[in-house]
Amino acid sequence: MSRYLLIETKSPLDGGSYAFDLGRQLRELNHDVTIYLLQDAVFTARRKFQAGERLVEEAERGGVRVLADGVSARQRGVTGARIAKSVSVTDMGEMVDLLMERADKAIWH
């Protein structure tokens, strides 16, 4: 089993479902998967945003951990109660730790 970090930068309306589709497939193969939402991908974490809600719910059901970059989220007004409950807001330090120490493979999209 490998540990994957999938970094998504696109909104779900602009092809940002790639990391979620790949993450689901990797989980089916029993790999550990974390998706890190960066830039416009943080819109995926917005509650009541239908395109993103579906992706986040499927990830949660499949055992995929979803993190959102705090700076990107604040810049786009996706904060506080607007963040889906299963998404953890974090900082770049967390992403760097994942890249350098806690992931075997990283894919940036």
PDB file of N, CA and C in Angstrom:
ATOM      1  N   MET A   1       0.840  -1.173   0.000  1.00  0.00           N
ATOM      2  CA  MET A   1       0.000   0.000   0.000  1.00  0.00           C
ATOM      3  C   MET A   1       0.887   1.240   0.000  1.00  0.00           C
ATOM      4  N   SER A   2       0.577   2.168  -0.887  1.00  0.00           N
ATOM      5  CA  SER A   2       1.299   3.433  -0.972  1.00  0.00           C
ATOM      6  C   SER A   2       0.445   4.560  -0.413  1.00  0.00           C
ATOM      7  N   ARG A   3       1.121   5.654  -0.065  1.00  0.00           N
ATOM      8  CA  ARG A   3       0.433   6.847   0.431  1.00  0.00           C
ATOM      9  C   ARG A   3       0.509   7.914  -0.657  1.00  0.00           C
ATOM     10  N   TYR A   4      -0.644   8.335  -1.145  1.00  0.00           N
ATOM     11  CA  TYR A   4      -0.726   9.306  -2.228  1.00  0.00           C
ATOM     12  C   TYR A   4      -1.186  10.652  -1.717  1.00  0.00           C
ATOM     13  N   LEU A   5      -0.578  11.715  -2.246  1.00  0.00           N
ATOM     14  CA  LEU A   5      -1.035  13.080  -2.046  1.00  0.00           C
ATOM     15  C   LEU A   5      -1.448  13.597  -3.415  1.00  0.00           C
ATOM     16  N   LEU A   6      -2.719  13.919  -3.553  1.00  0.00           N
ATOM     17  CA  LEU A   6      -3.247  14.455  -4.803  1.00  0.00           C
ATOM     18  C   LEU A   6      -3.559  15.929  -4.575  1.00  0.00           C
ATOM     19  N   ILE A   7      -2.873  16.800  -5.282  1.00  0.00           N
ATOM     20  CA  ILE A   7      -3.054  18.238  -5.126  1.00  0.00           C
ATOM     21  C   ILE A   7      -3.907  18.723  -6.291  1.00  0.00           C
ATOM     22  N   GLU A   8      -5.078  19.243  -5.953  1.00  0.00           N
ATOM     23  CA  GLU A   8      -6.010  19.734  -6.978  1.00  0.00           C
ATOM     24  C   GLU A   8      -6.035  21.251  -6.934  1.00  0.00           C
ATOM     25  N   THR A   9      -5.938  21.894  -8.105  1.00  0.00           N
ATOM     26  CA  THR A   9      -5.942  23.354  -8.181  1.00  0.00           C
ATOM     27  C   THR A   9      -7.136  23.908  -8.949  1.00  0.00           C
ATOM     28  N   LYS A  10      -7.926  23.046  -9.556  1.00  0.00           N
ATOM     29  CA  LYS A  10      -9.031  23.519 -10.400  1.00  0.00           C
ATOM     30  C   LYS A  10     -10.379  23.367  -9.701  1.00  0.00           C
ATOM     31  N   SER A  11     -11.268  24.282 -10.003  1.00  0.00           N
ATOM     32  CA  SER A  11     -12.641  24.217  -9.510  1.00  0.00           C
ATOM     33  C   SER A  11     -13.335  22.995 -10.118  1.00  0.00           C
ATOM     34  N   PRO A  12     -14.335  22.437  -9.437  1.00  0.00           N
ATOM     35  CA  PRO A  12     -15.047  21.304 -10.019  1.00  0.00           C
ATOM     36  C   PRO A  12     -15.755  21.670 -11.325  1.00  0.00           C
ATOM     37  N   LEU A  13     -15.992  22.948 -11.553  1.00  0.00           N
ATOM     38  CA  LEU A  13     -16.622  23.377 -12.803  1.00  0.00           C
ATOM     39  C   LEU A  13     -15.611  23.543 -13.927  1.00  0.00           C
ATOM     40  N   ASP A  14     -14.330  23.388 -13.593  1.00  0.00           N
ATOM     41  CA  ASP A  14     -13.257  23.575 -14.574  1.00  0.00           C
ATOM     42  C   ASP A  14     -12.344  22.346 -14.640  1.00  0.00           C
ATOM     43  N   GLY A  15     -12.907  21.168 -14.428  1.00  0.00           N
ATOM     44  CA  GLY A  15     -12.119  19.940 -14.506  1.00  0.00           C
ATOM     45  C   GLY A  15     -11.490  19.508 -13.201  1.00  0.00           C
ATOM     46  N   GLY A  16     -11.931  20.079 -12.094  1.00  0.00           N
ATOM     47  CA  GLY A  16     -11.346  19.794 -10.799  1.00  0.00           C
ATOM     48  C   GLY A  16     -11.815  18.520 -10.130  1.00  0.00           C
ATOM     49  N   SER A  17     -12.436  17.635 -10.868  1.00  0.00           N
ATOM     50  CA  SER A  17     -12.845  16.350 -10.279  1.00  0.00           C
ATOM     51  C   SER A  17     -11.761  15.290 -10.473  1.00  0.00           C
ATOM     52  N   TYR A  18     -10.695  15.619 -11.185  1.00  0.00           N
ATOM     53  CA  TYR A  18      -9.642  14.648 -11.499  1.00  0.00           C
ATOM     54  C   TYR A  18      -9.074  13.980 -10.252  1.00  0.00           C
ATOM     55  N   ALA A  19      -8.682  14.775  -9.265  1.00  0.00           N
ATOM     56  CA  ALA A  19      -8.082  14.214  -8.048  1.00  0.00           C
ATOM     57  C   ALA A  19      -9.077  13.310  -7.326  1.00  0.00           C
ATOM     58  N   PHE A  20     -10.341  13.668  -7.347  1.00  0.00           N
ATOM     59  CA  PHE A  20     -11.354  12.866  -6.671  1.00  0.00           C
ATOM     60  C   PHE A  20     -11.593  11.543  -7.404  1.00  0.00           C
ATOM     61  N   ASP A  21     -11.609  11.589  -8.727  1.00  0.00           N
ATOM     62  CA  ASP A  21     -11.775  10.358  -9.500  1.00  0.00           C
ATOM     63  C   ASP A  21     -10.581   9.429  -9.295  1.00  0.00           C
ATOM     64  N   LEU A  22      -9.383   9.983  -9.382  1.00  0.00           N
ATOM     65  CA  LEU A  22      -8.170   9.195  -9.177  1.00  0.00           C
ATOM     66  C   LEU A  22      -8.090   8.692  -7.737  1.00  0.00           C
ATOM     67  N   GLY A  23      -8.440   9.549  -6.794  1.00  0.00           N
ATOM     68  CA  GLY A  23      -8.419   9.158  -5.386  1.00  0.00           C
ATOM     69  C   GLY A  23      -9.329   7.980  -5.095  1.00  0.00           C
ATOM     70  N   ARG A  24     -10.516   7.995  -5.688  1.00  0.00           N
ATOM     71  CA  ARG A  24     -11.455   6.871  -5.509  1.00  0.00           C
ATOM     72  C   ARG A  24     -10.846   5.578  -6.055  1.00  0.00           C
ATOM     73  N   GLN A  25     -10.251   5.664  -7.234  1.00  0.00           N
ATOM     74  CA  GLN A  25      -9.645   4.473  -7.834  1.00  0.00           C
ATOM     75  C   GLN A  25      -8.489   3.946  -6.981  1.00  0.00           C
ATOM     76  N   LEU A  26      -7.677   4.841  -6.459  1.00  0.00           N
ATOM     77  CA  LEU A  26      -6.558   4.422  -5.615  1.00  0.00           C
ATOM     78  C   LEU A  26      -7.040   3.810  -4.307  1.00  0.00           C
ATOM     79  N   ARG A  27      -8.085   4.356  -3.721  1.00  0.00           N
ATOM     80  CA  ARG A  27      -8.648   3.786  -2.483  1.00  0.00           C
ATOM     81  C   ARG A  27      -9.192   2.385  -2.741  1.00  0.00           C
ATOM     82  N   GLU A  28      -9.797   2.175  -3.905  1.00  0.00           N
ATOM     83  CA  GLU A  28     -10.298   0.843  -4.253  1.00  0.00           C
ATOM     84  C   GLU A  28      -9.168  -0.176  -4.311  1.00  0.00           C
ATOM     85  N   LEU A  29      -7.953   0.298  -4.552  1.00  0.00           N
ATOM     86  CA  LEU A  29      -6.766  -0.560  -4.563  1.00  0.00           C
ATOM     87  C   LEU A  29      -6.070  -0.568  -3.198  1.00  0.00           C
ATOM     88  N   ASN A  30      -6.764  -0.043  -2.183  1.00  0.00           N
ATOM     89  CA  ASN A  30      -6.306  -0.024  -0.786  1.00  0.00           C
ATOM     90  C   ASN A  30      -5.118   0.889  -0.508  1.00  0.00           C
ATOM     91  N   HIS A  31      -4.953   1.925  -1.301  1.00  0.00           N
ATOM     92  CA  HIS A  31      -3.913   2.909  -1.025  1.00  0.00           C
ATOM     93  C   HIS A  31      -4.475   3.985  -0.093  1.00  0.00           C
ATOM     94  N   ASP A  32      -3.597   4.611   0.652  1.00  0.00           N
ATOM     95  CA  ASP A  32      -3.963   5.743   1.501  1.00  0.00           C
ATOM     96  C   ASP A  32      -3.932   6.996   0.624  1.00  0.00           C
ATOM     97  N   VAL A  33      -5.018   7.786   0.657  1.00  0.00           N
ATOM     98  CA  VAL A  33      -5.119   8.940  -0.241  1.00  0.00           C
ATOM     99  C   VAL A  33      -5.526  10.191   0.535  1.00  0.00           C
ATOM    100  N   THR A  34      -4.797  11.274   0.285  1.00  0.00           N
ATOM    101  CA  THR A  34      -5.153  12.600   0.788  1.00  0.00           C
ATOM    102  C   THR A  34      -5.246  13.530  -0.407  1.00  0.00           C
ATOM    103  N   ILE A  35      -6.328  14.298  -0.466  1.00  0.00           N
ATOM    104  CA  ILE A  35      -6.485  15.319  -1.502  1.00  0.00           C
ATOM    105  C   ILE A  35      -6.297  16.674  -0.840  1.00  0.00           C
ATOM    106  N   TYR A  36      -5.421  17.497  -1.421  1.00  0.00           N
ATOM    107  CA  TYR A  36      -5.173  18.840  -0.918  1.00  0.00           C
ATOM    108  C   TYR A  36      -5.727  19.821  -1.939  1.00  0.00           C
ATOM    109  N   LEU A  37      -6.719  20.616  -1.522  1.00  0.00           N
ATOM    110  CA  LEU A  37      -7.362  21.594  -2.400  1.00  0.00           C
ATOM    111  C   LEU A  37      -6.613  22.919  -2.307  1.00  0.00           C
ATOM    112  N   LEU A  38      -6.196  23.420  -3.449  1.00  0.00           N
ATOM    113  CA  LEU A  38      -5.381  24.625  -3.527  1.00  0.00           C
ATOM    114  C   LEU A  38      -5.964  25.528  -4.605  1.00  0.00           C
ATOM    115  N   GLN A  39      -5.789  26.815  -4.487  1.00  0.00           N
ATOM    116  CA  GLN A  39      -6.274  27.804  -5.451  1.00  0.00           C
ATOM    117  C   GLN A  39      -7.788  27.641  -5.657  1.00  0.00           C
ATOM    118  N   ASP A  40      -8.270  27.615  -6.909  1.00  0.00           N
ATOM    119  CA  ASP A  40      -9.717  27.544  -7.156  1.00  0.00           C
ATOM    120  C   ASP A  40     -10.352  26.219  -6.733  1.00  0.00           C
ATOM    121  N   ALA A  41      -9.544  25.220  -6.472  1.00  0.00           N
ATOM    122  CA  ALA A  41     -10.092  23.937  -6.024  1.00  0.00           C
ATOM    123  C   ALA A  41     -10.776  24.045  -4.673  1.00  0.00           C
ATOM    124  N   VAL A  42     -10.464  25.094  -3.882  1.00  0.00           N
ATOM    125  CA  VAL A  42     -11.118  25.234  -2.578  1.00  0.00           C
ATOM    126  C   VAL A  42     -12.626  25.438  -2.720  1.00  0.00           C
ATOM    127  N   PHE A  43     -13.093  25.857  -3.891  1.00  0.00           N
ATOM    128  CA  PHE A  43     -14.543  25.966  -4.098  1.00  0.00           C
ATOM    129  C   PHE A  43     -15.230  24.611  -3.916  1.00  0.00           C
ATOM    130  N   THR A  44     -14.503  23.543  -4.134  1.00  0.00           N
ATOM    131  CA  THR A  44     -15.036  22.198  -3.928  1.00  0.00           C
ATOM    132  C   THR A  44     -15.469  22.006  -2.485  1.00  0.00           C
ATOM    133  N   ALA A  45     -14.778  22.651  -1.565  1.00  0.00           N
ATOM    134  CA  ALA A  45     -15.046  22.502  -0.130  1.00  0.00           C
ATOM    135  C   ALA A  45     -16.208  23.359   0.352  1.00  0.00           C
ATOM    136  N   ARG A  46     -16.763  24.175  -0.506  1.00  0.00           N
ATOM    137  CA  ARG A  46     -17.843  25.079  -0.103  1.00  0.00           C
ATOM    138  C   ARG A  46     -19.143  24.303   0.083  1.00  0.00           C
ATOM    139  N   ARG A  47     -19.712  24.440   1.268  1.00  0.00           N
ATOM    140  CA  ARG A  47     -21.005  23.804   1.553  1.00  0.00           C
ATOM    141  C   ARG A  47     -22.065  24.365   0.618  1.00  0.00           C
ATOM    142  N   LYS A  48     -22.976  23.515   0.236  1.00  0.00           N
ATOM    143  CA  LYS A  48     -24.119  23.860  -0.621  1.00  0.00           C
ATOM    144  C   LYS A  48     -23.706  24.243  -2.037  1.00  0.00           C
ATOM    145  N   PHE A  49     -22.465  23.958  -2.405  1.00  0.00           N
ATOM    146  CA  PHE A  49     -22.034  24.105  -3.798  1.00  0.00           C
ATOM    147  C   PHE A  49     -22.148  22.714  -4.393  1.00  0.00           C
ATOM    148  N   GLN A  50     -23.210  22.501  -5.145  1.00  0.00           N
ATOM    149  CA  GLN A  50     -23.618  21.165  -5.560  1.00  0.00           C
ATOM    150  C   GLN A  50     -22.493  20.348  -6.209  1.00  0.00           C
ATOM    151  N   ALA A  51     -21.760  20.951  -7.128  1.00  0.00           N
ATOM    152  CA  ALA A  51     -20.692  20.217  -7.818  1.00  0.00           C
ATOM    153  C   ALA A  51     -19.618  19.751  -6.848  1.00  0.00           C
ATOM    154  N   GLY A  52     -19.296  20.579  -5.870  1.00  0.00           N
ATOM    155  CA  GLY A  52     -18.270  20.220  -4.892  1.00  0.00           C
ATOM    156  C   GLY A  52     -18.783  19.290  -3.816  1.00  0.00           C
ATOM    157  N   GLU A  53     -20.015  19.505  -3.366  1.00  0.00           N
ATOM    158  CA  GLU A  53     -20.591  18.677  -2.296  1.00  0.00           C
ATOM    159  C   GLU A  53     -20.584  17.195  -2.648  1.00  0.00           C
ATOM    160  N   ARG A  54     -20.950  16.908  -3.880  1.00  0.00           N
ATOM    161  CA  ARG A  54     -20.981  15.510  -4.323  1.00  0.00           C
ATOM    162  C   ARG A  54     -19.583  14.888  -4.252  1.00  0.00           C
ATOM    163  N   LEU A  55     -18.582  15.626  -4.709  1.00  0.00           N
ATOM    164  CA  LEU A  55     -17.206  15.110  -4.689  1.00  0.00           C
ATOM    165  C   LEU A  55     -16.713  14.875  -3.266  1.00  0.00           C
ATOM    166  N   VAL A  56     -16.982  15.829  -2.385  1.00  0.00           N
ATOM    167  CA  VAL A  56     -16.537  15.708  -0.994  1.00  0.00           C
ATOM    168  C   VAL A  56     -17.241  14.556  -0.292  1.00  0.00           C
ATOM    169  N   GLU A  57     -18.534  14.408  -0.521  1.00  0.00           N
ATOM    170  CA  GLU A  57     -19.283  13.307   0.101  1.00  0.00           C
ATOM    171  C   GLU A  57     -18.781  11.958  -0.372  1.00  0.00           C
ATOM    172  N   GLU A  58     -18.525  11.829  -1.669  1.00  0.00           N
ATOM    173  CA  GLU A  58     -18.002  10.571  -2.203  1.00  0.00           C
ATOM    174  C   GLU A  58     -16.617  10.267  -1.631  1.00  0.00           C
ATOM    175  N   ALA A  59     -15.800  11.297  -1.499  1.00  0.00           N
ATOM    176  CA  ALA A  59     -14.458  11.110  -0.926  1.00  0.00           C
ATOM    177  C   ALA A  59     -14.568  10.625   0.513  1.00  0.00           C
ATOM    178  N   GLU A  60     -15.437  11.256   1.280  1.00  0.00           N
ATOM    179  CA  GLU A  60     -15.610  10.861   2.681  1.00  0.00           C
ATOM    180  C   GLU A  60     -16.095   9.414   2.788  1.00  0.00           C
ATOM    181  N   ARG A  61     -17.068   9.055   1.992  1.00  0.00           N
ATOM    182  CA  ARG A  61     -17.575   7.667   2.011  1.00  0.00           C
ATOM    183  C   ARG A  61     -16.489   6.673   1.627  1.00  0.00           C
ATOM    184  N   GLY A  62     -15.596   7.077   0.722  1.00  0.00           N
ATOM    185  CA  GLY A  62     -14.545   6.187   0.249  1.00  0.00           C
ATOM    186  C   GLY A  62     -13.302   6.156   1.118  1.00  0.00           C
ATOM    187  N   GLY A  63     -13.259   6.979   2.156  1.00  0.00           N
ATOM    188  CA  GLY A  63     -12.100   6.978   3.035  1.00  0.00           C
ATOM    189  C   GLY A  63     -10.952   7.851   2.550  1.00  0.00           C
ATOM    190  N   VAL A  64     -11.248   8.817   1.687  1.00  0.00           N
ATOM    191  CA  VAL A  64     -10.237   9.753   1.197  1.00  0.00           C
ATOM    192  C   VAL A  64     -10.279  10.999   2.073  1.00  0.00           C
ATOM    193  N   ARG A  65      -9.133  11.391   2.584  1.00  0.00           N
ATOM    194  CA  ARG A  65      -9.035  12.590   3.425  1.00  0.00           C
ATOM    195  C   ARG A  65      -8.929  13.814   2.523  1.00  0.00           C
ATOM    196  N   VAL A  66      -9.697  14.872   2.840  1.00  0.00           N
ATOM    197  CA  VAL A  66      -9.694  16.096   2.034  1.00  0.00           C
ATOM    198  C   VAL A  66      -9.256  17.272   2.904  1.00  0.00           C
ATOM    199  N   LEU A  67      -8.226  17.968   2.443  1.00  0.00           N
ATOM    200  CA  LEU A  67      -7.713  19.160   3.110  1.00  0.00           C
ATOM    201  C   LEU A  67      -7.858  20.346   2.165  1.00  0.00           C
ATOM    202  N   ALA A  68      -8.061  21.541   2.724  1.00  0.00           N
ATOM    203  CA  ALA A  68      -8.153  22.755   1.916  1.00  0.00           C
ATOM    204  C   ALA A  68      -7.148  23.778   2.433  1.00  0.00           C
ATOM    205  N   ASP A  69      -6.477  24.444   1.520  1.00  0.00           N
ATOM    206  CA  ASP A  69      -5.513  25.483   1.874  1.00  0.00           C
ATOM    207  C   ASP A  69      -6.249  26.690   2.449  1.00  0.00           C
ATOM    208  N   GLY A  70      -5.868  27.106   3.644  1.00  0.00           N
ATOM    209  CA  GLY A  70      -6.533  28.205   4.325  1.00  0.00           C
ATOM    210  C   GLY A  70      -6.423  29.537   3.612  1.00  0.00           C
ATOM    211  N   VAL A  71      -5.260  29.845   3.054  1.00  0.00           N
ATOM    212  CA  VAL A  71      -5.080  31.118   2.347  1.00  0.00           C
ATOM    213  C   VAL A  71      -5.964  31.151   1.104  1.00  0.00           C
ATOM    214  N   SER A  72      -5.944  30.093   0.324  1.00  0.00           N
ATOM    215  CA  SER A  72      -6.788  30.029  -0.880  1.00  0.00           C
ATOM    216  C   SER A  72      -8.263  30.152  -0.513  1.00  0.00           C
ATOM    217  N   ALA A  73      -8.663  29.495   0.574  1.00  0.00           N
ATOM    218  CA  ALA A  73     -10.062  29.537   1.002  1.00  0.00           C
ATOM    219  C   ALA A  73     -10.457  30.956   1.417  1.00  0.00           C
ATOM    220  N   ARG A  74      -9.626  31.605   2.212  1.00  0.00           N
ATOM    221  CA  ARG A  74      -9.936  32.978   2.644  1.00  0.00           C
ATOM    222  C   ARG A  74     -10.012  33.934   1.461  1.00  0.00           C
ATOM    223  N   GLN A  75      -9.098  33.799   0.517  1.00  0.00           N
ATOM    224  CA  GLN A  75      -9.093  34.681  -0.654  1.00  0.00           C
ATOM    225  C   GLN A  75     -10.367  34.541  -1.483  1.00  0.00           C
ATOM    226  N   ARG A  76     -11.011  33.383  -1.390  1.00  0.00           N
ATOM    227  CA  ARG A  76     -12.210  33.122  -2.184  1.00  0.00           C
ATOM    228  C   ARG A  76     -13.487  33.148  -1.346  1.00  0.00           C
ATOM    229  N   GLY A  77     -13.381  33.554  -0.094  1.00  0.00           N
ATOM    230  CA  GLY A  77     -14.552  33.680   0.766  1.00  0.00           C
ATOM    231  C   GLY A  77     -15.142  32.366   1.231  1.00  0.00           C
ATOM    232  N   VAL A  78     -14.357  31.309   1.170  1.00  0.00           N
ATOM    233  CA  VAL A  78     -14.817  29.987   1.607  1.00  0.00           C
ATOM    234  C   VAL A  78     -14.254  29.769   3.008  1.00  0.00           C
ATOM    235  N   THR A  79     -14.972  30.283   4.000  1.00  0.00           N
ATOM    236  CA  THR A  79     -14.488  30.234   5.377  1.00  0.00           C
ATOM    237  C   THR A  79     -15.613  29.872   6.337  1.00  0.00           C
ATOM    238  N   GLY A  80     -15.232  29.557   7.560  1.00  0.00           N
ATOM    239  CA  GLY A  80     -16.190  29.307   8.637  1.00  0.00           C
ATOM    240  C   GLY A  80     -17.240  28.268   8.290  1.00  0.00           C
ATOM    241  N   ALA A  81     -18.493  28.649   8.447  1.00  0.00           N
ATOM    242  CA  ALA A  81     -19.615  27.729   8.217  1.00  0.00           C
ATOM    243  C   ALA A  81     -19.781  27.378   6.739  1.00  0.00           C
ATOM    244  N   ARG A  82     -19.057  28.043   5.868  1.00  0.00           N
ATOM    245  CA  ARG A  82     -19.152  27.735   4.432  1.00  0.00           C
ATOM    246  C   ARG A  82     -18.335  26.505   4.035  1.00  0.00           C
ATOM    247  N   ILE A  83     -17.482  26.044   4.928  1.00  0.00           N
ATOM    248  CA  ILE A  83     -16.628  24.878   4.637  1.00  0.00           C
ATOM    249  C   ILE A  83     -17.378  23.596   4.983  1.00  0.00           C
ATOM    250  N   ALA A  84     -17.336  22.625   4.087  1.00  0.00           N
ATOM    251  CA  ALA A  84     -17.948  21.318   4.347  1.00  0.00           C
ATOM    252  C   ALA A  84     -17.335  20.709   5.604  1.00  0.00           C
ATOM    253  N   LYS A  85     -18.156  20.054   6.406  1.00  0.00           N
ATOM    254  CA  LYS A  85     -17.699  19.525   7.698  1.00  0.00           C
ATOM    255  C   LYS A  85     -16.584  18.496   7.576  1.00  0.00           C
ATOM    256  N   SER A  86     -16.563  17.741   6.505  1.00  0.00           N
ATOM    257  CA  SER A  86     -15.549  16.695   6.389  1.00  0.00           C
ATOM    258  C   SER A  86     -14.231  17.196   5.802  1.00  0.00           C
ATOM    259  N   VAL A  87     -14.139  18.482   5.485  1.00  0.00           N
ATOM    260  CA  VAL A  87     -12.914  19.068   4.935  1.00  0.00           C
ATOM    261  C   VAL A  87     -12.171  19.802   6.041  1.00  0.00           C
ATOM    262  N   SER A  88     -10.887  19.533   6.172  1.00  0.00           N
ATOM    263  CA  SER A  88     -10.046  20.212   7.159  1.00  0.00           C
ATOM    264  C   SER A  88      -9.289  21.345   6.474  1.00  0.00           C
ATOM    265  N   VAL A  89      -9.388  22.542   7.040  1.00  0.00           N
ATOM    266  CA  VAL A  89      -8.639  23.684   6.522  1.00  0.00           C
ATOM    267  C   VAL A  89      -7.267  23.669   7.184  1.00  0.00           C
ATOM    268  N   THR A  90      -6.244  23.829   6.375  1.00  0.00           N
ATOM    269  CA  THR A  90      -4.877  23.723   6.876  1.00  0.00           C
ATOM    270  C   THR A  90      -4.000  24.762   6.172  1.00  0.00           C
ATOM    271  N   ASP A  91      -2.715  24.689   6.374  1.00  0.00           N
ATOM    272  CA  ASP A  91      -1.818  25.656   5.755  1.00  0.00           C
ATOM    273  C   ASP A  91      -0.787  24.946   4.875  1.00  0.00           C
ATOM    274  N   MET A  92       0.015  25.742   4.206  1.00  0.00           N
ATOM    275  CA  MET A  92       1.025  25.191   3.302  1.00  0.00           C
ATOM    276  C   MET A  92       2.033  24.306   4.020  1.00  0.00           C
ATOM    277  N   GLY A  93       2.273  24.594   5.296  1.00  0.00           N
ATOM    278  CA  GLY A  93       3.193  23.751   6.062  1.00  0.00           C
ATOM    279  C   GLY A  93       2.721  22.305   6.086  1.00  0.00           C
ATOM    280  N   GLU A  94       1.417  22.108   6.210  1.00  0.00           N
ATOM    281  CA  GLU A  94       0.844  20.748   6.182  1.00  0.00           C
ATOM    282  C   GLU A  94       1.087  20.093   4.829  1.00  0.00           C
ATOM    283  N   MET A  95       0.891  20.870   3.752  1.00  0.00           N
ATOM    284  CA  MET A  95       1.119  20.308   2.425  1.00  0.00           C
ATOM    285  C   MET A  95       2.589  19.930   2.243  1.00  0.00           C
ATOM    286  N   VAL A  96       3.482  20.777   2.709  1.00  0.00           N
ATOM    287  CA  VAL A  96       4.916  20.479   2.602  1.00  0.00           C
ATOM    288  C   VAL A  96       5.259  19.225   3.400  1.00  0.00           C
ATOM    289  N   ASP A  97       4.723  19.105   4.609  1.00  0.00           N
ATOM    290  CA  ASP A  97       4.954  17.897   5.411  1.00  0.00           C
ATOM    291  C   ASP A  97       4.463  16.655   4.675  1.00  0.00           C
ATOM    292  N   LEU A  98       3.283  16.758   4.084  1.00  0.00           N
ATOM    293  CA  LEU A  98       2.759  15.628   3.317  1.00  0.00           C
ATOM    294  C   LEU A  98       3.673  15.287   2.150  1.00  0.00           C
ATOM    295  N   LEU A  99       4.099  16.296   1.420  1.00  0.00           N
ATOM    296  CA  LEU A  99       4.977  16.079   0.264  1.00  0.00           C
ATOM    297  C   LEU A  99       6.312  15.458   0.659  1.00  0.00           C
ATOM    298  N   MET A 100       6.900  15.967   1.724  1.00  0.00           N
ATOM    299  CA  MET A 100       8.258  15.575   2.076  1.00  0.00           C
ATOM    300  C   MET A 100       8.342  14.344   2.969  1.00  0.00           C
ATOM    301  N   GLU A 101       7.335  14.124   3.806  1.00  0.00           N
ATOM    302  CA  GLU A 101       7.483  13.087   4.820  1.00  0.00           C
ATOM    303  C   GLU A 101       6.364  12.056   4.877  1.00  0.00           C
ATOM    304  N   ARG A 102       5.171  12.430   4.468  1.00  0.00           N
ATOM    305  CA  ARG A 102       4.050  11.521   4.703  1.00  0.00           C
ATOM    306  C   ARG A 102       3.363  11.037   3.439  1.00  0.00           C
ATOM    307  N   ALA A 103       4.006  11.175   2.298  1.00  0.00           N
ATOM    308  CA  ALA A 103       3.440  10.663   1.051  1.00  0.00           C
ATOM    309  C   ALA A 103       4.543   9.962   0.266  1.00  0.00           C
ATOM    310  N   ASP A 104       4.186   8.827  -0.307  1.00  0.00           N
ATOM    311  CA  ASP A 104       5.121   8.116  -1.168  1.00  0.00           C
ATOM    312  C   ASP A 104       5.107   8.704  -2.571  1.00  0.00           C
ATOM    313  N   LYS A 105       3.913   9.165  -2.983  1.00  0.00           N
ATOM    314  CA  LYS A 105       3.748   9.673  -4.342  1.00  0.00           C
ATOM    315  C   LYS A 105       2.839  10.893  -4.299  1.00  0.00           C
ATOM    316  N   ALA A 106       3.178  11.891  -5.099  1.00  0.00           N
ATOM    317  CA  ALA A 106       2.368  13.105  -5.184  1.00  0.00           C
ATOM    318  C   ALA A 106       2.021  13.379  -6.643  1.00  0.00           C
ATOM    319  N   ILE A 107       0.779  13.803  -6.855  1.00  0.00           N
ATOM    320  CA  ILE A 107       0.318  14.155  -8.197  1.00  0.00           C
ATOM    321  C   ILE A 107      -0.343  15.519  -8.102  1.00  0.00           C
ATOM    322  N   TRP A 108       0.112  16.446  -8.932  1.00  0.00           N
ATOM    323  CA  TRP A 108      -0.382  17.820  -8.920  1.00  0.00           C
ATOM    324  C   TRP A 108      -1.222  18.035 -10.171  1.00  0.00           C
ATOM    325  N   HIS A 109      -2.453  18.512  -9.994  1.00  0.00           N
ATOM    326  CA  HIS A 109      -3.339  18.767 -11.141  1.00  0.00           C
ATOM    327  C   HIS A 109      -3.932  20.141 -11.035  1.00  0.00           C
TER     328      HIS A 109
END
